[in-house]
């Protein structure tokens, strides 16, 4: 697959001279990718730059062949969709269907087509039976799915999730994970920033580790999450499955010493 997102020599600072992202070079080409790191690692800043909400202080970000410095957030919305961590930051309409149609209407300028895109997105997340409900009559987990549907209805090539599993129960975490797999299968570039290492292990093929604004490591998820040196340096937890494997291995070695 051709590169959809390419980041070259990216530096970013909110204040002159104090960089929160430092010389980031990375590309995304359709493989589901998790971006992990402690609070303060600049993960959210990074994806806001990918979305065009922030511009690089130095370096370049190319989205579908277009430099983000030379385009607008509205134009990038056709290519990059961002699902916010907090649904209340994204929801503002009084009906589910109106919320999901808002983006497509602004992009496609066709009411019937926008309605079709909205219904398809709501079906994908399992909310097609609640089109006329008020968003705040939905549960918190359903509001998260509504936000996802609102992004998917615009049919972006890149879908970014900001902490998708926060405040979600196990059922909805699995639901969101299955959506990640389905989107990747359908050719979307899926990126998520998260602290949930079990979610990363279960649903993402590639992992980037950010630490204090630096790209510490980039590689296959199953390999990186077994590197205790990397996880320790970045202040990250080990996925539960590896903790269990390690514990079982320790017990076996004690019971059956070589």
C-alpha atoms as a PDB file:
ATOM      1  CA  UNK A   1       0.000   0.000   0.000  1.00  0.00           C
ATOM      2  CA  UNK A   2       1.202   3.547  -0.782  1.00  0.00           C
ATOM      3  CA  UNK A   3       2.178   5.740   2.133  1.00  0.00           C
ATOM      4  CA  UNK A   4      -0.829   7.677   3.426  1.00  0.00           C
ATOM      5  CA  UNK A   5       1.015   9.582   6.158  1.00  0.00           C
ATOM      6  CA  UNK A   6       4.679  10.567   6.115  1.00  0.00           C
ATOM      7  CA  UNK A   7       6.383  12.513   8.891  1.00  0.00           C
ATOM      8  CA  UNK A   8       9.804  13.996   8.174  1.00  0.00           C
ATOM      9  CA  UNK A   9      12.119  15.610  10.753  1.00  0.00           C
ATOM     10  CA  UNK A  10       9.171  16.779  12.851  1.00  0.00           C
ATOM     11  CA  UNK A  11       9.852  19.162  15.723  1.00  0.00           C
ATOM     12  CA  UNK A  12       7.099  20.905  17.661  1.00  0.00           C
ATOM     13  CA  UNK A  13       7.026  23.397  20.513  1.00  0.00           C
ATOM     14  CA  UNK A  14       4.214  25.282  22.215  1.00  0.00           C
ATOM     15  CA  UNK A  15       6.778  27.738  23.547  1.00  0.00           C
ATOM     16  CA  UNK A  16       9.826  28.931  21.677  1.00  0.00           C
ATOM     17  CA  UNK A  17      12.842  26.724  22.342  1.00  0.00           C
ATOM     18  CA  UNK A  18      11.039  24.059  24.383  1.00  0.00           C
ATOM     19  CA  UNK A  19      10.303  21.194  22.057  1.00  0.00           C
ATOM     20  CA  UNK A  20       7.734  18.561  23.039  1.00  0.00           C
ATOM     21  CA  UNK A  21       8.328  16.516  19.856  1.00  0.00           C
ATOM     22  CA  UNK A  22      11.891  16.036  18.648  1.00  0.00           C
ATOM     23  CA  UNK A  23      13.004  14.945  15.207  1.00  0.00           C
ATOM     24  CA  UNK A  24      10.218  12.417  14.549  1.00  0.00           C
ATOM     25  CA  UNK A  25      10.531  10.420  11.333  1.00  0.00           C
ATOM     26  CA  UNK A  26       7.818   7.862  10.685  1.00  0.00           C
ATOM     27  CA  UNK A  27       5.273   6.801   8.077  1.00  0.00           C
ATOM     28  CA  UNK A  28       1.935   4.987   8.087  1.00  0.00           C
ATOM     29  CA  UNK A  29       0.768   2.760   5.256  1.00  0.00           C
ATOM     30  CA  UNK A  30      -2.361   0.891   6.292  1.00  0.00           C
ATOM     31  CA  UNK A  31      -1.013  -1.290   9.106  1.00  0.00           C
ATOM     32  CA  UNK A  32      -2.916  -0.751  12.365  1.00  0.00           C
ATOM     33  CA  UNK A  33      -0.590   1.203  14.657  1.00  0.00           C
ATOM     34  CA  UNK A  34      -0.703   1.947  18.374  1.00  0.00           C
ATOM     35  CA  UNK A  35       1.196   4.915  19.795  1.00  0.00           C
ATOM     36  CA  UNK A  36       2.026   4.387  23.454  1.00  0.00           C
ATOM     37  CA  UNK A  37       3.875   6.300  26.157  1.00  0.00           C
ATOM     38  CA  UNK A  38       3.369   7.904  29.537  1.00  0.00           C
ATOM     39  CA  UNK A  39       1.436  11.129  30.061  1.00  0.00           C
ATOM     40  CA  UNK A  40       3.680  13.909  28.820  1.00  0.00           C
ATOM     41  CA  UNK A  41       5.130  11.845  25.984  1.00  0.00           C
ATOM     42  CA  UNK A  42       3.354  14.187  23.508  1.00  0.00           C
ATOM     43  CA  UNK A  43       1.135  11.494  21.995  1.00  0.00           C
ATOM     44  CA  UNK A  44      -1.934  13.733  21.744  1.00  0.00           C
ATOM     45  CA  UNK A  45       0.147  16.577  20.360  1.00  0.00           C
ATOM     46  CA  UNK A  46       1.466  14.216  17.697  1.00  0.00           C
ATOM     47  CA  UNK A  47      -1.959  13.090  16.486  1.00  0.00           C
ATOM     48  CA  UNK A  48      -3.258  16.670  16.523  1.00  0.00           C
ATOM     49  CA  UNK A  49      -0.438  17.454  14.095  1.00  0.00           C
ATOM     50  CA  UNK A  50      -1.456  14.509  11.919  1.00  0.00           C
ATOM     51  CA  UNK A  51      -5.020  15.861  11.944  1.00  0.00           C
ATOM     52  CA  UNK A  52      -3.791  19.346  11.034  1.00  0.00           C
ATOM     53  CA  UNK A  53      -5.031  20.939  14.258  1.00  0.00           C
ATOM     54  CA  UNK A  54      -1.425  21.933  14.961  1.00  0.00           C
ATOM     55  CA  UNK A  55       1.324  22.765  12.456  1.00  0.00           C
ATOM     56  CA  UNK A  56       4.943  21.552  12.784  1.00  0.00           C
ATOM     57  CA  UNK A  57       7.412  24.049  14.225  1.00  0.00           C
ATOM     58  CA  UNK A  58      10.030  22.446  11.997  1.00  0.00           C
ATOM     59  CA  UNK A  59       9.830  19.556   9.554  1.00  0.00           C
ATOM     60  CA  UNK A  60       6.946  18.330   7.449  1.00  0.00           C
ATOM     61  CA  UNK A  61       3.881  16.100   7.618  1.00  0.00           C
ATOM     62  CA  UNK A  62       2.471  14.752   4.370  1.00  0.00           C
ATOM     63  CA  UNK A  63      -1.090  13.418   4.273  1.00  0.00           C
ATOM     64  CA  UNK A  64      -2.058  11.618   1.080  1.00  0.00           C
ATOM     65  CA  UNK A  65       0.695  13.520  -0.734  1.00  0.00           C
ATOM     66  CA  UNK A  66      -0.263  16.958   0.627  1.00  0.00           C
ATOM     67  CA  UNK A  67       1.854  18.940   3.085  1.00  0.00           C
ATOM     68  CA  UNK A  68      -0.269  19.908   6.110  1.00  0.00           C
ATOM     69  CA  UNK A  69       1.322  23.365   6.055  1.00  0.00           C
ATOM     70  CA  UNK A  70      -0.323  23.957   2.708  1.00  0.00           C
ATOM     71  CA  UNK A  71      -3.870  22.841   3.507  1.00  0.00           C
ATOM     72  CA  UNK A  72      -6.657  23.449   6.024  1.00  0.00           C
ATOM     73  CA  UNK A  73      -8.230  21.368   8.766  1.00  0.00           C
ATOM     74  CA  UNK A  74     -11.462  21.282   6.746  1.00  0.00           C
ATOM     75  CA  UNK A  75      -9.670  19.868   3.711  1.00  0.00           C
ATOM     76  CA  UNK A  76      -7.831  17.299   5.834  1.00  0.00           C
ATOM     77  CA  UNK A  77     -11.154  16.147   7.317  1.00  0.00           C
ATOM     78  CA  UNK A  78     -11.782  14.372   4.019  1.00  0.00           C
ATOM     79  CA  UNK A  79      -8.703  12.211   4.650  1.00  0.00           C
ATOM     80  CA  UNK A  80      -8.055  12.140   8.415  1.00  0.00           C
ATOM     81  CA  UNK A  81     -10.682  11.485  11.091  1.00  0.00           C
ATOM     82  CA  UNK A  82      -9.983  11.909  14.813  1.00  0.00           C
ATOM     83  CA  UNK A  83     -12.151  10.316  17.512  1.00  0.00           C
ATOM     84  CA  UNK A  84     -11.690  12.379  20.666  1.00  0.00           C
ATOM     85  CA  UNK A  85     -11.056  10.784  24.055  1.00  0.00           C
ATOM     86  CA  UNK A  86     -14.027  12.553  25.655  1.00  0.00           C
ATOM     87  CA  UNK A  87     -17.311  12.260  23.688  1.00  0.00           C
ATOM     88  CA  UNK A  88     -18.555  15.517  25.193  1.00  0.00           C
ATOM     89  CA  UNK A  89     -15.850  17.360  23.239  1.00  0.00           C
ATOM     90  CA  UNK A  90     -17.263  16.011  19.982  1.00  0.00           C
ATOM     91  CA  UNK A  91     -21.047  15.722  20.383  1.00  0.00           C
ATOM     92  CA  UNK A  92     -23.192  18.840  19.884  1.00  0.00           C
ATOM     93  CA  UNK A  93     -26.363  17.821  18.013  1.00  0.00           C
ATOM     94  CA  UNK A  94     -29.705  16.843  19.610  1.00  0.00           C
ATOM     95  CA  UNK A  95     -30.291  13.708  17.509  1.00  0.00           C
ATOM     96  CA  UNK A  96     -27.998  10.776  16.820  1.00  0.00           C
ATOM     97  CA  UNK A  97     -28.636  10.910  13.067  1.00  0.00           C
ATOM     98  CA  UNK A  98     -27.949  14.654  12.901  1.00  0.00           C
ATOM     99  CA  UNK A  99     -24.694  14.188  14.795  1.00  0.00           C
ATOM    100  CA  UNK A 100     -23.437  11.550  12.357  1.00  0.00           C
ATOM    101  CA  UNK A 101     -24.672  13.434   9.266  1.00  0.00           C
ATOM    102  CA  UNK A 102     -22.953  16.691  10.194  1.00  0.00           C
ATOM    103  CA  UNK A 103     -19.521  15.744   8.848  1.00  0.00           C
ATOM    104  CA  UNK A 104     -20.664  14.141   5.589  1.00  0.00           C
ATOM    105  CA  UNK A 105     -22.971  17.088   4.839  1.00  0.00           C
ATOM    106  CA  UNK A 106     -20.023  19.475   5.095  1.00  0.00           C
ATOM    107  CA  UNK A 107     -17.815  17.269   2.931  1.00  0.00           C
ATOM    108  CA  UNK A 108     -20.141  15.831   0.301  1.00  0.00           C
ATOM    109  CA  UNK A 109     -22.851  18.560   0.191  1.00  0.00           C
ATOM    110  CA  UNK A 110     -25.446  15.913  -0.633  1.00  0.00           C
ATOM    111  CA  UNK A 111     -28.159  15.248   1.950  1.00  0.00           C
ATOM    112  CA  UNK A 112     -29.280  11.842   0.649  1.00  0.00           C
ATOM    113  CA  UNK A 113     -25.729  10.532   0.275  1.00  0.00           C
ATOM    114  CA  UNK A 114     -24.809  11.897   3.706  1.00  0.00           C
ATOM    115  CA  UNK A 115     -27.809  10.120   5.206  1.00  0.00           C
ATOM    116  CA  UNK A 116     -26.745   6.839   3.588  1.00  0.00           C
ATOM    117  CA  UNK A 117     -23.175   7.241   4.876  1.00  0.00           C
ATOM    118  CA  UNK A 118     -24.486   8.035   8.354  1.00  0.00           C
ATOM    119  CA  UNK A 119     -26.761   4.975   8.447  1.00  0.00           C
ATOM    120  CA  UNK A 120     -23.932   2.705   7.255  1.00  0.00           C
ATOM    121  CA  UNK A 121     -21.630   4.071   9.959  1.00  0.00           C
ATOM    122  CA  UNK A 122     -24.299   3.627  12.644  1.00  0.00           C
ATOM    123  CA  UNK A 123     -24.868   0.036  11.504  1.00  0.00           C
ATOM    124  CA  UNK A 124     -21.146  -0.621  11.748  1.00  0.00           C
ATOM    125  CA  UNK A 125     -21.056   0.468  15.398  1.00  0.00           C
ATOM    126  CA  UNK A 126     -24.439  -1.058  16.266  1.00  0.00           C
ATOM    127  CA  UNK A 127     -26.413   2.152  16.844  1.00  0.00           C
ATOM    128  CA  UNK A 128     -28.679   2.084  13.783  1.00  0.00           C
ATOM    129  CA  UNK A 129     -31.665   1.437  16.035  1.00  0.00           C
ATOM    130  CA  UNK A 130     -31.162   4.713  17.890  1.00  0.00           C
ATOM    131  CA  UNK A 131     -31.076   7.250  15.057  1.00  0.00           C
ATOM    132  CA  UNK A 132     -33.688   9.566  16.590  1.00  0.00           C
ATOM    133  CA  UNK A 133     -32.474   9.442  20.183  1.00  0.00           C
ATOM    134  CA  UNK A 134     -30.715  12.315  21.924  1.00  0.00           C
ATOM    135  CA  UNK A 135     -26.976  11.548  22.211  1.00  0.00           C
ATOM    136  CA  UNK A 136     -27.035  12.218  25.929  1.00  0.00           C
ATOM    137  CA  UNK A 137     -29.755   9.606  26.412  1.00  0.00           C
ATOM    138  CA  UNK A 138     -27.148   7.051  25.335  1.00  0.00           C
ATOM    139  CA  UNK A 139     -24.745   5.379  27.734  1.00  0.00           C
ATOM    140  CA  UNK A 140     -21.154   6.647  27.890  1.00  0.00           C
ATOM    141  CA  UNK A 141     -19.988   3.624  25.896  1.00  0.00           C
ATOM    142  CA  UNK A 142     -22.662   4.245  23.265  1.00  0.00           C
ATOM    143  CA  UNK A 143     -21.633   7.902  23.029  1.00  0.00           C
ATOM    144  CA  UNK A 144     -18.090   6.754  22.282  1.00  0.00           C
ATOM    145  CA  UNK A 145     -19.467   4.554  19.490  1.00  0.00           C
ATOM    146  CA  UNK A 146     -21.502   7.515  18.243  1.00  0.00           C
ATOM    147  CA  UNK A 147     -18.322   9.581  17.973  1.00  0.00           C
ATOM    148  CA  UNK A 148     -16.667   6.768  16.041  1.00  0.00           C
ATOM    149  CA  UNK A 149     -19.650   6.600  13.679  1.00  0.00           C
ATOM    150  CA  UNK A 150     -19.484  10.368  13.151  1.00  0.00           C
ATOM    151  CA  UNK A 151     -15.900  10.018  11.940  1.00  0.00           C
ATOM    152  CA  UNK A 152     -16.479   6.891   9.844  1.00  0.00           C
ATOM    153  CA  UNK A 153     -19.430   8.504   8.038  1.00  0.00           C
ATOM    154  CA  UNK A 154     -16.956  10.907   6.406  1.00  0.00           C
ATOM    155  CA  UNK A 155     -15.094   7.918   4.960  1.00  0.00           C
ATOM    156  CA  UNK A 156     -11.564   9.115   5.828  1.00  0.00           C
ATOM    157  CA  UNK A 157      -8.529   7.094   4.745  1.00  0.00           C
ATOM    158  CA  UNK A 158      -6.949   7.598   8.166  1.00  0.00           C
ATOM    159  CA  UNK A 159      -8.861   7.002  11.415  1.00  0.00           C
ATOM    160  CA  UNK A 160      -7.213   8.124  14.660  1.00  0.00           C
ATOM    161  CA  UNK A 161      -8.469   7.095  18.102  1.00  0.00           C
ATOM    162  CA  UNK A 162      -7.468   9.065  21.206  1.00  0.00           C
ATOM    163  CA  UNK A 163      -7.546   6.714  24.228  1.00  0.00           C
ATOM    164  CA  UNK A 164     -10.458   4.628  22.856  1.00  0.00           C
ATOM    165  CA  UNK A 165     -10.793   2.275  25.848  1.00  0.00           C
ATOM    166  CA  UNK A 166     -10.975   4.833  28.660  1.00  0.00           C
ATOM    167  CA  UNK A 167     -14.210   4.450  30.701  1.00  0.00           C
ATOM    168  CA  UNK A 168     -15.279   1.489  28.540  1.00  0.00           C
ATOM    169  CA  UNK A 169     -16.442  -1.903  29.831  1.00  0.00           C
ATOM    170  CA  UNK A 170     -14.990  -5.159  28.506  1.00  0.00           C
ATOM    171  CA  UNK A 171     -17.797  -5.651  25.984  1.00  0.00           C
ATOM    172  CA  UNK A 172     -17.307  -2.235  24.388  1.00  0.00           C
ATOM    173  CA  UNK A 173     -13.509  -2.516  24.455  1.00  0.00           C
ATOM    174  CA  UNK A 174     -13.910  -5.686  22.406  1.00  0.00           C
ATOM    175  CA  UNK A 175     -16.410  -3.913  20.145  1.00  0.00           C
ATOM    176  CA  UNK A 176     -13.958  -1.081  19.457  1.00  0.00           C
ATOM    177  CA  UNK A 177     -11.152  -3.586  18.906  1.00  0.00           C
ATOM    178  CA  UNK A 178     -13.247  -5.458  16.358  1.00  0.00           C
ATOM    179  CA  UNK A 179     -13.904  -2.140  14.600  1.00  0.00           C
ATOM    180  CA  UNK A 180     -10.150  -1.569  14.392  1.00  0.00           C
ATOM    181  CA  UNK A 181      -9.723  -4.967  12.710  1.00  0.00           C
ATOM    182  CA  UNK A 182     -12.639  -4.333  10.338  1.00  0.00           C
ATOM    183  CA  UNK A 183     -11.354  -0.893   9.331  1.00  0.00           C
ATOM    184  CA  UNK A 184      -7.881  -2.249   8.663  1.00  0.00           C
ATOM    185  CA  UNK A 185      -9.386  -5.070   6.604  1.00  0.00           C
ATOM    186  CA  UNK A 186     -11.243  -2.446   4.556  1.00  0.00           C
ATOM    187  CA  UNK A 187      -8.024  -0.602   3.747  1.00  0.00           C
ATOM    188  CA  UNK A 188      -8.116   2.144   6.365  1.00  0.00           C
ATOM    189  CA  UNK A 189      -5.008   3.353   8.158  1.00  0.00           C
ATOM    190  CA  UNK A 190      -5.904   3.037  11.854  1.00  0.00           C
ATOM    191  CA  UNK A 191      -3.854   4.811  14.511  1.00  0.00           C
ATOM    192  CA  UNK A 192      -4.575   4.841  18.248  1.00  0.00           C
ATOM    193  CA  UNK A 193      -2.901   6.509  21.191  1.00  0.00           C
ATOM    194  CA  UNK A 194      -3.517   4.514  24.336  1.00  0.00           C
ATOM    195  CA  UNK A 195      -2.260   3.404  27.737  1.00  0.00           C
ATOM    196  CA  UNK A 196      -4.118   0.094  27.448  1.00  0.00           C
ATOM    197  CA  UNK A 197      -1.338  -2.349  26.636  1.00  0.00           C
ATOM    198  CA  UNK A 198      -3.663  -5.367  26.518  1.00  0.00           C
ATOM    199  CA  UNK A 199      -5.782  -3.565  23.892  1.00  0.00           C
ATOM    200  CA  UNK A 200      -2.603  -2.848  21.924  1.00  0.00           C
ATOM    201  CA  UNK A 201      -1.511  -6.484  22.037  1.00  0.00           C
ATOM    202  CA  UNK A 202      -4.924  -7.788  20.973  1.00  0.00           C
ATOM    203  CA  UNK A 203      -5.679  -5.452  18.053  1.00  0.00           C
ATOM    204  CA  UNK A 204      -2.603  -3.689  16.667  1.00  0.00           C
ATOM    205  CA  UNK A 205       0.136  -5.084  14.450  1.00  0.00           C
ATOM    206  CA  UNK A 206       2.577  -2.217  14.948  1.00  0.00           C
ATOM    207  CA  UNK A 207       3.556  -0.133  17.966  1.00  0.00           C
ATOM    208  CA  UNK A 208       5.386   3.170  18.335  1.00  0.00           C
ATOM    209  CA  UNK A 209       6.752   4.089  21.746  1.00  0.00           C
ATOM    210  CA  UNK A 210       7.077   7.801  22.500  1.00  0.00           C
ATOM    211  CA  UNK A 211       9.109   8.965  25.476  1.00  0.00           C
ATOM    212  CA  UNK A 212       9.572  12.624  26.355  1.00  0.00           C
ATOM    213  CA  UNK A 213       8.881  13.662  22.806  1.00  0.00           C
ATOM    214  CA  UNK A 214      11.261  11.181  21.231  1.00  0.00           C
ATOM    215  CA  UNK A 215      10.394   8.131  19.150  1.00  0.00           C
ATOM    216  CA  UNK A 216      11.966   5.464  21.329  1.00  0.00           C
ATOM    217  CA  UNK A 217      11.144   2.434  19.198  1.00  0.00           C
ATOM    218  CA  UNK A 218       8.967   1.410  16.236  1.00  0.00           C
ATOM    219  CA  UNK A 219       8.202  -2.182  15.325  1.00  0.00           C
ATOM    220  CA  UNK A 220       5.959  -5.223  15.473  1.00  0.00           C
ATOM    221  CA  UNK A 221       3.668  -5.149  18.497  1.00  0.00           C
ATOM    222  CA  UNK A 222       4.308  -8.713  19.667  1.00  0.00           C
ATOM    223  CA  UNK A 223       8.058  -8.069  19.652  1.00  0.00           C
ATOM    224  CA  UNK A 224       8.066  -4.635  21.285  1.00  0.00           C
ATOM    225  CA  UNK A 225       5.700  -5.575  24.103  1.00  0.00           C
ATOM    226  CA  UNK A 226       8.054  -8.344  25.180  1.00  0.00           C
ATOM    227  CA  UNK A 227      10.989  -5.950  25.511  1.00  0.00           C
ATOM    228  CA  UNK A 228      11.130  -5.184  29.209  1.00  0.00           C
ATOM    229  CA  UNK A 229      13.928  -2.653  28.676  1.00  0.00           C
ATOM    230  CA  UNK A 230      11.768  -0.565  26.358  1.00  0.00           C
ATOM    231  CA  UNK A 231       8.641  -0.766  28.527  1.00  0.00           C
ATOM    232  CA  UNK A 232      10.600   0.132  31.637  1.00  0.00           C
ATOM    233  CA  UNK A 233      12.342   3.068  29.965  1.00  0.00           C
ATOM    234  CA  UNK A 234       8.989   4.428  28.760  1.00  0.00           C
ATOM    235  CA  UNK A 235       7.205   3.754  32.064  1.00  0.00           C
ATOM    236  CA  UNK A 236       4.742   1.336  30.479  1.00  0.00           C
ATOM    237  CA  UNK A 237       3.053  -1.731  31.898  1.00  0.00           C
ATOM    238  CA  UNK A 238       3.554  -5.236  30.556  1.00  0.00           C
ATOM    239  CA  UNK A 239       0.474  -6.768  28.885  1.00  0.00           C
ATOM    240  CA  UNK A 240      -1.373  -9.207  31.136  1.00  0.00           C
ATOM    241  CA  UNK A 241      -0.702 -12.187  28.858  1.00  0.00           C
ATOM    242  CA  UNK A 242       3.060 -11.726  29.215  1.00  0.00           C
ATOM    243  CA  UNK A 243       2.779 -11.354  32.981  1.00  0.00           C
ATOM    244  CA  UNK A 244       0.905 -14.658  33.131  1.00  0.00           C
ATOM    245  CA  UNK A 245       3.409 -16.351  30.824  1.00  0.00           C
ATOM    246  CA  UNK A 246       6.279 -15.142  32.970  1.00  0.00           C
ATOM    247  CA  UNK A 247       4.582 -16.318  36.174  1.00  0.00           C
ATOM    248  CA  UNK A 248       3.819 -19.733  34.694  1.00  0.00           C
ATOM    249  CA  UNK A 249       7.388 -20.025  33.486  1.00  0.00           C
ATOM    250  CA  UNK A 250       8.712 -19.198  36.955  1.00  0.00           C
ATOM    251  CA  UNK A 251       6.453 -21.795  38.616  1.00  0.00           C
ATOM    252  CA  UNK A 252       7.449 -24.498  36.122  1.00  0.00           C
ATOM    253  CA  UNK A 253      11.155 -23.769  36.571  1.00  0.00           C
ATOM    254  CA  UNK A 254      10.776 -24.113  40.340  1.00  0.00           C
ATOM    255  CA  UNK A 255       8.780 -27.336  40.095  1.00  0.00           C
ATOM    256  CA  UNK A 256      10.997 -28.877  37.450  1.00  0.00           C
ATOM    257  CA  UNK A 257      14.492 -27.412  37.824  1.00  0.00           C
ATOM    258  CA  UNK A 258      16.969 -28.365  35.132  1.00  0.00           C
END
